[in-house]
Amino acid sequence: MIKVQVQIPEALYERVKEIAHQREMSLAEVIRRGLEYMSRTRPAISGKPFQIPVLSAGAFAKDFDELDLDAIAAEDGLRSVS
């Protein structure tokens, strides 16, 4: 095994520590399993590096400020962000 050191936000650390406690696992085991899960479900993308997409001006909805984003999110089965 390789030993690494990472910095994570305190709130995330507390959540992961609680998961480890609830499942009677070490913190390291929870982190390893999380990394294994991510590596299987989100494989590395080969090819060009990520670039922010550029949209043409006509790609935006008219009256965007008047859209009911909560209703759109509800239709998509997403929770409200407001």
PDB file of N, CA and C in Angstrom:
ATOM      1  N   MET A   1       0.833  -1.181   0.000  1.00  0.00           N
ATOM      2  CA  MET A   1       0.000   0.000   0.000  1.00  0.00           C
ATOM      3  C   MET A   1       0.877   1.243   0.000  1.00  0.00           C
ATOM      4  N   ILE A   2       0.296   2.316  -0.514  1.00  0.00           N
ATOM      5  CA  ILE A   2       0.971   3.602  -0.543  1.00  0.00           C
ATOM      6  C   ILE A   2       0.300   4.509   0.480  1.00  0.00           C
ATOM      7  N   LYS A   3       1.098   5.185   1.256  1.00  0.00           N
ATOM      8  CA  LYS A   3       0.570   6.118   2.253  1.00  0.00           C
ATOM      9  C   LYS A   3       0.495   7.500   1.613  1.00  0.00           C
ATOM     10  N   VAL A   4      -0.662   8.158   1.751  1.00  0.00           N
ATOM     11  CA  VAL A   4      -0.836   9.506   1.208  1.00  0.00           C
ATOM     12  C   VAL A   4      -1.374  10.419   2.299  1.00  0.00           C
ATOM     13  N   GLN A   5      -1.201  11.690   2.090  1.00  0.00           N
ATOM     14  CA  GLN A   5      -1.748  12.692   3.001  1.00  0.00           C
ATOM     15  C   GLN A   5      -2.608  13.627   2.179  1.00  0.00           C
ATOM     16  N   VAL A   6      -3.846  13.837   2.611  1.00  0.00           N
ATOM     17  CA  VAL A   6      -4.753  14.731   1.898  1.00  0.00           C
ATOM     18  C   VAL A   6      -5.377  15.706   2.884  1.00  0.00           C
ATOM     19  N   GLN A   7      -5.826  16.821   2.353  1.00  0.00           N
ATOM     20  CA  GLN A   7      -6.549  17.789   3.159  1.00  0.00           C
ATOM     21  C   GLN A   7      -8.009  17.767   2.725  1.00  0.00           C
ATOM     22  N   ILE A   8      -8.916  17.662   3.695  1.00  0.00           N
ATOM     23  CA  ILE A   8     -10.352  17.668   3.404  1.00  0.00           C
ATOM     24  C   ILE A   8     -11.027  18.649   4.357  1.00  0.00           C
ATOM     25  N   PRO A   9     -12.174  19.178   3.943  1.00  0.00           N
ATOM     26  CA  PRO A   9     -12.897  20.092   4.835  1.00  0.00           C
ATOM     27  C   PRO A   9     -13.303  19.377   6.131  1.00  0.00           C
ATOM     28  N   GLU A  10     -13.323  20.118   7.214  1.00  0.00           N
ATOM     29  CA  GLU A  10     -13.638  19.527   8.512  1.00  0.00           C
ATOM     30  C   GLU A  10     -15.017  18.866   8.527  1.00  0.00           C
ATOM     31  N   ALA A  11     -15.999  19.484   7.868  1.00  0.00           N
ATOM     32  CA  ALA A  11     -17.353  18.915   7.853  1.00  0.00           C
ATOM     33  C   ALA A  11     -17.361  17.552   7.160  1.00  0.00           C
ATOM     34  N   LEU A  12     -16.619  17.412   6.072  1.00  0.00           N
ATOM     35  CA  LEU A  12     -16.533  16.130   5.375  1.00  0.00           C
ATOM     36  C   LEU A  12     -15.848  15.098   6.261  1.00  0.00           C
ATOM     37  N   TYR A  13     -14.771  15.505   6.928  1.00  0.00           N
ATOM     38  CA  TYR A  13     -14.068  14.607   7.845  1.00  0.00           C
ATOM     39  C   TYR A  13     -15.023  14.073   8.917  1.00  0.00           C
ATOM     40  N   GLU A  14     -15.822  14.954   9.490  1.00  0.00           N
ATOM     41  CA  GLU A  14     -16.764  14.533  10.540  1.00  0.00           C
ATOM     42  C   GLU A  14     -17.803  13.558  10.000  1.00  0.00           C
ATOM     43  N   ARG A  15     -18.306  13.814   8.780  1.00  0.00           N
ATOM     44  CA  ARG A  15     -19.293  12.894   8.190  1.00  0.00           C
ATOM     45  C   ARG A  15     -18.679  11.523   7.929  1.00  0.00           C
ATOM     46  N   VAL A  16     -17.479  11.502   7.391  1.00  0.00           N
ATOM     47  CA  VAL A  16     -16.819  10.227   7.081  1.00  0.00           C
ATOM     48  C   VAL A  16     -16.485   9.483   8.370  1.00  0.00           C
ATOM     49  N   LYS A  17     -16.060  10.221   9.378  1.00  0.00           N
ATOM     50  CA  LYS A  17     -15.771   9.604  10.678  1.00  0.00           C
ATOM     51  C   LYS A  17     -17.029   8.953  11.263  1.00  0.00           C
ATOM     52  N   GLU A  18     -18.173   9.627  11.108  1.00  0.00           N
ATOM     53  CA  GLU A  18     -19.438   9.076  11.606  1.00  0.00           C
ATOM     54  C   GLU A  18     -19.836   7.821  10.827  1.00  0.00           C
ATOM     55  N   ILE A  19     -19.633   7.839   9.512  1.00  0.00           N
ATOM     56  CA  ILE A  19     -19.913   6.646   8.693  1.00  0.00           C
ATOM     57  C   ILE A  19     -19.058   5.482   9.182  1.00  0.00           C
ATOM     58  N   ALA A  20     -17.788   5.734   9.425  1.00  0.00           N
ATOM     59  CA  ALA A  20     -16.877   4.685   9.897  1.00  0.00           C
ATOM     60  C   ALA A  20     -17.357   4.128  11.238  1.00  0.00           C
ATOM     61  N   HIS A  21     -17.750   5.018  12.127  1.00  0.00           N
ATOM     62  CA  HIS A  21     -18.230   4.592  13.440  1.00  0.00           C
ATOM     63  C   HIS A  21     -19.493   3.740  13.318  1.00  0.00           C
ATOM     64  N   GLN A  22     -20.460   4.189  12.507  1.00  0.00           N
ATOM     65  CA  GLN A  22     -21.724   3.460  12.349  1.00  0.00           C
ATOM     66  C   GLN A  22     -21.510   2.074  11.757  1.00  0.00           C
ATOM     67  N   ARG A  23     -20.535   1.945  10.874  1.00  0.00           N
ATOM     68  CA  ARG A  23     -20.299   0.667  10.203  1.00  0.00           C
ATOM     69  C   ARG A  23     -19.188  -0.153  10.854  1.00  0.00           C
ATOM     70  N   GLU A  24     -18.694   0.352  11.988  1.00  0.00           N
ATOM     71  CA  GLU A  24     -17.626  -0.313  12.731  1.00  0.00           C
ATOM     72  C   GLU A  24     -16.436  -0.618  11.818  1.00  0.00           C
ATOM     73  N   MET A  25     -16.012   0.425  11.085  1.00  0.00           N
ATOM     74  CA  MET A  25     -14.884   0.337  10.173  1.00  0.00           C
ATOM     75  C   MET A  25     -13.896   1.433  10.547  1.00  0.00           C
ATOM     76  N   SER A  26     -12.663   1.271  10.089  1.00  0.00           N
ATOM     77  CA  SER A  26     -11.695   2.337  10.296  1.00  0.00           C
ATOM     78  C   SER A  26     -11.970   3.461   9.304  1.00  0.00           C
ATOM     79  N   LEU A  27     -11.508   4.643   9.649  1.00  0.00           N
ATOM     80  CA  LEU A  27     -11.634   5.789   8.763  1.00  0.00           C
ATOM     81  C   LEU A  27     -10.924   5.492   7.437  1.00  0.00           C
ATOM     82  N   ALA A  28      -9.753   4.886   7.524  1.00  0.00           N
ATOM     83  CA  ALA A  28      -8.985   4.553   6.317  1.00  0.00           C
ATOM     84  C   ALA A  28      -9.765   3.603   5.405  1.00  0.00           C
ATOM     85  N   GLU A  29     -10.471   2.636   5.991  1.00  0.00           N
ATOM     86  CA  GLU A  29     -11.239   1.679   5.178  1.00  0.00           C
ATOM     87  C   GLU A  29     -12.395   2.371   4.463  1.00  0.00           C
ATOM     88  N   VAL A  30     -13.077   3.285   5.141  1.00  0.00           N
ATOM     89  CA  VAL A  30     -14.166   4.022   4.506  1.00  0.00           C
ATOM     90  C   VAL A  30     -13.626   4.850   3.336  1.00  0.00           C
ATOM     91  N   ILE A  31     -12.502   5.510   3.550  1.00  0.00           N
ATOM     92  CA  ILE A  31     -11.908   6.316   2.481  1.00  0.00           C
ATOM     93  C   ILE A  31     -11.472   5.440   1.315  1.00  0.00           C
ATOM     94  N   ARG A  32     -10.827   4.288   1.598  1.00  0.00           N
ATOM     95  CA  ARG A  32     -10.423   3.360   0.529  1.00  0.00           C
ATOM     96  C   ARG A  32     -11.631   2.903  -0.278  1.00  0.00           C
ATOM     97  N   ARG A  33     -12.703   2.533   0.421  1.00  0.00           N
ATOM     98  CA  ARG A  33     -13.909   2.072  -0.283  1.00  0.00           C
ATOM     99  C   ARG A  33     -14.524   3.187  -1.120  1.00  0.00           C
ATOM    100  N   GLY A  34     -14.496   4.406  -0.605  1.00  0.00           N
ATOM    101  CA  GLY A  34     -14.998   5.548  -1.374  1.00  0.00           C
ATOM    102  C   GLY A  34     -14.188   5.764  -2.641  1.00  0.00           C
ATOM    103  N   LEU A  35     -12.879   5.658  -2.527  1.00  0.00           N
ATOM    104  CA  LEU A  35     -12.021   5.811  -3.699  1.00  0.00           C
ATOM    105  C   LEU A  35     -12.236   4.676  -4.697  1.00  0.00           C
ATOM    106  N   GLU A  36     -12.403   3.452  -4.192  1.00  0.00           N
ATOM    107  CA  GLU A  36     -12.684   2.319  -5.080  1.00  0.00           C
ATOM    108  C   GLU A  36     -13.994   2.544  -5.827  1.00  0.00           C
ATOM    109  N   TYR A  37     -15.019   3.002  -5.104  1.00  0.00           N
ATOM    110  CA  TYR A  37     -16.315   3.264  -5.728  1.00  0.00           C
ATOM    111  C   TYR A  37     -16.189   4.309  -6.827  1.00  0.00           C
ATOM    112  N   MET A  38     -15.521   5.422  -6.520  1.00  0.00           N
ATOM    113  CA  MET A  38     -15.358   6.489  -7.513  1.00  0.00           C
ATOM    114  C   MET A  38     -14.565   6.015  -8.721  1.00  0.00           C
ATOM    115  N   SER A  39     -13.538   5.206  -8.492  1.00  0.00           N
ATOM    116  CA  SER A  39     -12.713   4.746  -9.610  1.00  0.00           C
ATOM    117  C   SER A  39     -13.473   3.781 -10.513  1.00  0.00           C
ATOM    118  N   ARG A  40     -14.471   3.097  -9.971  1.00  0.00           N
ATOM    119  CA  ARG A  40     -15.276   2.170 -10.786  1.00  0.00           C
ATOM    120  C   ARG A  40     -16.426   2.868 -11.491  1.00  0.00           C
ATOM    121  N   THR A  41     -17.030   3.837 -10.828  1.00  0.00           N
ATOM    122  CA  THR A  41     -18.212   4.488 -11.402  1.00  0.00           C
ATOM    123  C   THR A  41     -17.871   5.733 -12.204  1.00  0.00           C
ATOM    124  N   ARG A  42     -16.701   6.283 -12.017  1.00  0.00           N
ATOM    125  CA  ARG A  42     -16.271   7.478 -12.740  1.00  0.00           C
ATOM    126  C   ARG A  42     -14.874   7.252 -13.310  1.00  0.00           C
ATOM    127  N   PRO A  43     -14.779   6.390 -14.325  1.00  0.00           N
ATOM    128  CA  PRO A  43     -13.451   6.092 -14.869  1.00  0.00           C
ATOM    129  C   PRO A  43     -12.792   7.342 -15.436  1.00  0.00           C
ATOM    130  N   ALA A  44     -11.484   7.317 -15.457  1.00  0.00           N
ATOM    131  CA  ALA A  44     -10.717   8.450 -15.993  1.00  0.00           C
ATOM    132  C   ALA A  44     -11.075   8.661 -17.457  1.00  0.00           C
ATOM    133  N   ILE A  45     -11.145   9.907 -17.844  1.00  0.00           N
ATOM    134  CA  ILE A  45     -11.477  10.259 -19.222  1.00  0.00           C
ATOM    135  C   ILE A  45     -10.173  10.459 -19.975  1.00  0.00           C
ATOM    136  N   SER A  46     -10.011   9.693 -21.035  1.00  0.00           N
ATOM    137  CA  SER A  46      -8.789   9.846 -21.816  1.00  0.00           C
ATOM    138  C   SER A  46      -9.029  10.840 -22.947  1.00  0.00           C
ATOM    139  N   GLY A  47      -7.985  11.357 -23.471  1.00  0.00           N
ATOM    140  CA  GLY A  47      -8.118  12.303 -24.567  1.00  0.00           C
ATOM    141  C   GLY A  47      -7.800  13.710 -24.133  1.00  0.00           C
ATOM    142  N   LYS A  48      -8.558  14.645 -24.670  1.00  0.00           N
ATOM    143  CA  LYS A  48      -8.305  16.057 -24.409  1.00  0.00           C
ATOM    144  C   LYS A  48      -8.645  16.414 -22.961  1.00  0.00           C
ATOM    145  N   PRO A  49      -7.934  17.374 -22.389  1.00  0.00           N
ATOM    146  CA  PRO A  49      -8.280  17.841 -21.044  1.00  0.00           C
ATOM    147  C   PRO A  49      -9.622  18.574 -21.059  1.00  0.00           C
ATOM    148  N   PHE A  50     -10.268  18.620 -19.903  1.00  0.00           N
ATOM    149  CA  PHE A  50     -11.570  19.262 -19.791  1.00  0.00           C
ATOM    150  C   PHE A  50     -11.485  20.736 -20.158  1.00  0.00           C
ATOM    151  N   GLN A  51     -12.472  21.182 -20.919  1.00  0.00           N
ATOM    152  CA  GLN A  51     -12.610  22.597 -21.229  1.00  0.00           C
ATOM    153  C   GLN A  51     -14.054  22.997 -20.971  1.00  0.00           C
ATOM    154  N   ILE A  52     -14.234  24.180 -20.451  1.00  0.00           N
ATOM    155  CA  ILE A  52     -15.578  24.685 -20.198  1.00  0.00           C
ATOM    156  C   ILE A  52     -16.272  24.877 -21.539  1.00  0.00           C
ATOM    157  N   PRO A  53     -17.489  24.319 -21.702  1.00  0.00           N
ATOM    158  CA  PRO A  53     -18.186  24.494 -22.981  1.00  0.00           C
ATOM    159  C   PRO A  53     -18.566  25.955 -23.220  1.00  0.00           C
ATOM    160  N   VAL A  54     -18.523  26.365 -24.460  1.00  0.00           N
ATOM    161  CA  VAL A  54     -18.898  27.722 -24.838  1.00  0.00           C
ATOM    162  C   VAL A  54     -20.190  27.633 -25.643  1.00  0.00           C
ATOM    163  N   LEU A  55     -21.213  28.328 -25.173  1.00  0.00           N
ATOM    164  CA  LEU A  55     -22.513  28.307 -25.839  1.00  0.00           C
ATOM    165  C   LEU A  55     -22.693  29.567 -26.670  1.00  0.00           C
ATOM    166  N   SER A  56     -23.422  29.416 -27.755  1.00  0.00           N
ATOM    167  CA  SER A  56     -23.730  30.601 -28.553  1.00  0.00           C
ATOM    168  C   SER A  56     -24.807  31.414 -27.843  1.00  0.00           C
ATOM    169  N   ALA A  57     -24.893  32.670 -28.155  1.00  0.00           N
ATOM    170  CA  ALA A  57     -25.856  33.551 -27.500  1.00  0.00           C
ATOM    171  C   ALA A  57     -27.288  33.055 -27.683  1.00  0.00           C
ATOM    172  N   GLY A  58     -27.593  32.422 -28.808  1.00  0.00           N
ATOM    173  CA  GLY A  58     -28.947  31.933 -29.060  1.00  0.00           C
ATOM    174  C   GLY A  58     -29.304  30.677 -28.283  1.00  0.00           C
ATOM    175  N   ALA A  59     -28.351  30.104 -27.554  1.00  0.00           N
ATOM    176  CA  ALA A  59     -28.605  28.862 -26.821  1.00  0.00           C
ATOM    177  C   ALA A  59     -29.312  29.099 -25.494  1.00  0.00           C
ATOM    178  N   PHE A  60     -29.410  30.348 -25.070  1.00  0.00           N
ATOM    179  CA  PHE A  60     -30.028  30.644 -23.788  1.00  0.00           C
ATOM    180  C   PHE A  60     -31.529  30.862 -23.946  1.00  0.00           C
ATOM    181  N   ALA A  61     -32.275  30.472 -22.899  1.00  0.00           N
ATOM    182  CA  ALA A  61     -33.720  30.647 -22.909  1.00  0.00           C
ATOM    183  C   ALA A  61     -34.068  32.130 -22.812  1.00  0.00           C
ATOM    184  N   LYS A  62     -35.104  32.533 -23.535  1.00  0.00           N
ATOM    185  CA  LYS A  62     -35.591  33.900 -23.404  1.00  0.00           C
ATOM    186  C   LYS A  62     -36.150  34.081 -21.998  1.00  0.00           C
ATOM    187  N   ASP A  63     -36.031  35.264 -21.474  1.00  0.00           N
ATOM    188  CA  ASP A  63     -36.565  35.584 -20.146  1.00  0.00           C
ATOM    189  C   ASP A  63     -36.067  34.625 -19.073  1.00  0.00           C
ATOM    190  N   PHE A  64     -34.784  34.313 -19.110  1.00  0.00           N
ATOM    191  CA  PHE A  64     -34.201  33.352 -18.168  1.00  0.00           C
ATOM    192  C   PHE A  64     -34.499  33.731 -16.721  1.00  0.00           C
ATOM    193  N   ASP A  65     -34.443  35.012 -16.422  1.00  0.00           N
ATOM    194  CA  ASP A  65     -34.673  35.462 -15.046  1.00  0.00           C
ATOM    195  C   ASP A  65     -36.091  35.166 -14.561  1.00  0.00           C
ATOM    196  N   GLU A  66     -36.993  34.896 -15.474  1.00  0.00           N
ATOM    197  CA  GLU A  66     -38.380  34.640 -15.091  1.00  0.00           C
ATOM    198  C   GLU A  66     -38.704  33.150 -15.022  1.00  0.00           C
ATOM    199  N   LEU A  67     -37.756  32.275 -15.336  1.00  0.00           N
ATOM    200  CA  LEU A  67     -37.998  30.840 -15.281  1.00  0.00           C
ATOM    201  C   LEU A  67     -38.200  30.391 -13.838  1.00  0.00           C
ATOM    202  N   ASP A  68     -39.090  29.422 -13.624  1.00  0.00           N
ATOM    203  CA  ASP A  68     -39.309  28.857 -12.297  1.00  0.00           C
ATOM    204  C   ASP A  68     -38.371  27.648 -12.162  1.00  0.00           C
ATOM    205  N   LEU A  69     -37.156  27.894 -11.681  1.00  0.00           N
ATOM    206  CA  LEU A  69     -36.137  26.851 -11.612  1.00  0.00           C
ATOM    207  C   LEU A  69     -36.525  25.732 -10.649  1.00  0.00           C
ATOM    208  N   ASP A  70     -37.262  26.058  -9.581  1.00  0.00           N
ATOM    209  CA  ASP A  70     -37.713  25.024  -8.654  1.00  0.00           C
ATOM    210  C   ASP A  70     -38.675  24.058  -9.347  1.00  0.00           C
ATOM    211  N   ALA A  71     -39.570  24.587 -10.179  1.00  0.00           N
ATOM    212  CA  ALA A  71     -40.517  23.727 -10.904  1.00  0.00           C
ATOM    213  C   ALA A  71     -39.782  22.852 -11.916  1.00  0.00           C
ATOM    214  N   ILE A  72     -38.795  23.414 -12.588  1.00  0.00           N
ATOM    215  CA  ILE A  72     -38.009  22.635 -13.553  1.00  0.00           C
ATOM    216  C   ILE A  72     -37.253  21.520 -12.830  1.00  0.00           C
ATOM    217  N   ALA A  73     -36.657  21.843 -11.678  1.00  0.00           N
ATOM    218  CA  ALA A  73     -35.938  20.832 -10.905  1.00  0.00           C
ATOM    219  C   ALA A  73     -36.890  19.739 -10.428  1.00  0.00           C
ATOM    220  N   ALA A  74     -38.096  20.116 -10.005  1.00  0.00           N
ATOM    221  CA  ALA A  74     -39.085  19.136  -9.535  1.00  0.00           C
ATOM    222  C   ALA A  74     -39.492  18.193 -10.684  1.00  0.00           C
ATOM    223  N   GLU A  75     -39.645  18.733 -11.886  1.00  0.00           N
ATOM    224  CA  GLU A  75     -39.988  17.907 -13.040  1.00  0.00           C
ATOM    225  C   GLU A  75     -38.889  16.896 -13.331  1.00  0.00           C
ATOM    226  N   ASP A  76     -37.649  17.279 -13.096  1.00  0.00           N
ATOM    227  CA  ASP A  76     -36.510  16.399 -13.334  1.00  0.00           C
ATOM    228  C   ASP A  76     -36.230  15.488 -12.136  1.00  0.00           C
ATOM    229  N   GLY A  77     -37.034  15.578 -11.085  1.00  0.00           N
ATOM    230  CA  GLY A  77     -36.838  14.756  -9.915  1.00  0.00           C
ATOM    231  C   GLY A  77     -35.701  15.228  -9.034  1.00  0.00           C
ATOM    232  N   LEU A  78     -35.347  16.491  -9.149  1.00  0.00           N
ATOM    233  CA  LEU A  78     -34.260  17.057  -8.347  1.00  0.00           C
ATOM    234  C   LEU A  78     -34.834  17.852  -7.203  1.00  0.00           C
ATOM    235  N   ARG A  79     -34.043  17.995  -6.166  1.00  0.00           N
ATOM    236  CA  ARG A  79     -34.510  18.795  -5.032  1.00  0.00           C
ATOM    237  C   ARG A  79     -34.255  20.264  -5.302  1.00  0.00           C
ATOM    238  N   SER A  80     -34.983  21.091  -4.622  1.00  0.00           N
ATOM    239  CA  SER A  80     -34.854  22.536  -4.767  1.00  0.00           C
ATOM    240  C   SER A  80     -33.510  23.002  -4.260  1.00  0.00           C
ATOM    241  N   VAL A  81     -32.932  23.988  -4.927  1.00  0.00           N
ATOM    242  CA  VAL A  81     -31.659  24.533  -4.490  1.00  0.00           C
ATOM    243  C   VAL A  81     -31.821  25.831  -3.729  1.00  0.00           C
ATOM    244  N   SER A  82     -33.024  26.345  -3.634  1.00  0.00           N
ATOM    245  CA  SER A  82     -33.225  27.619  -2.930  1.00  0.00           C
ATOM    246  C   SER A  82     -33.625  27.396  -1.495  1.00  0.00           C
TER     247      SER A  82
END
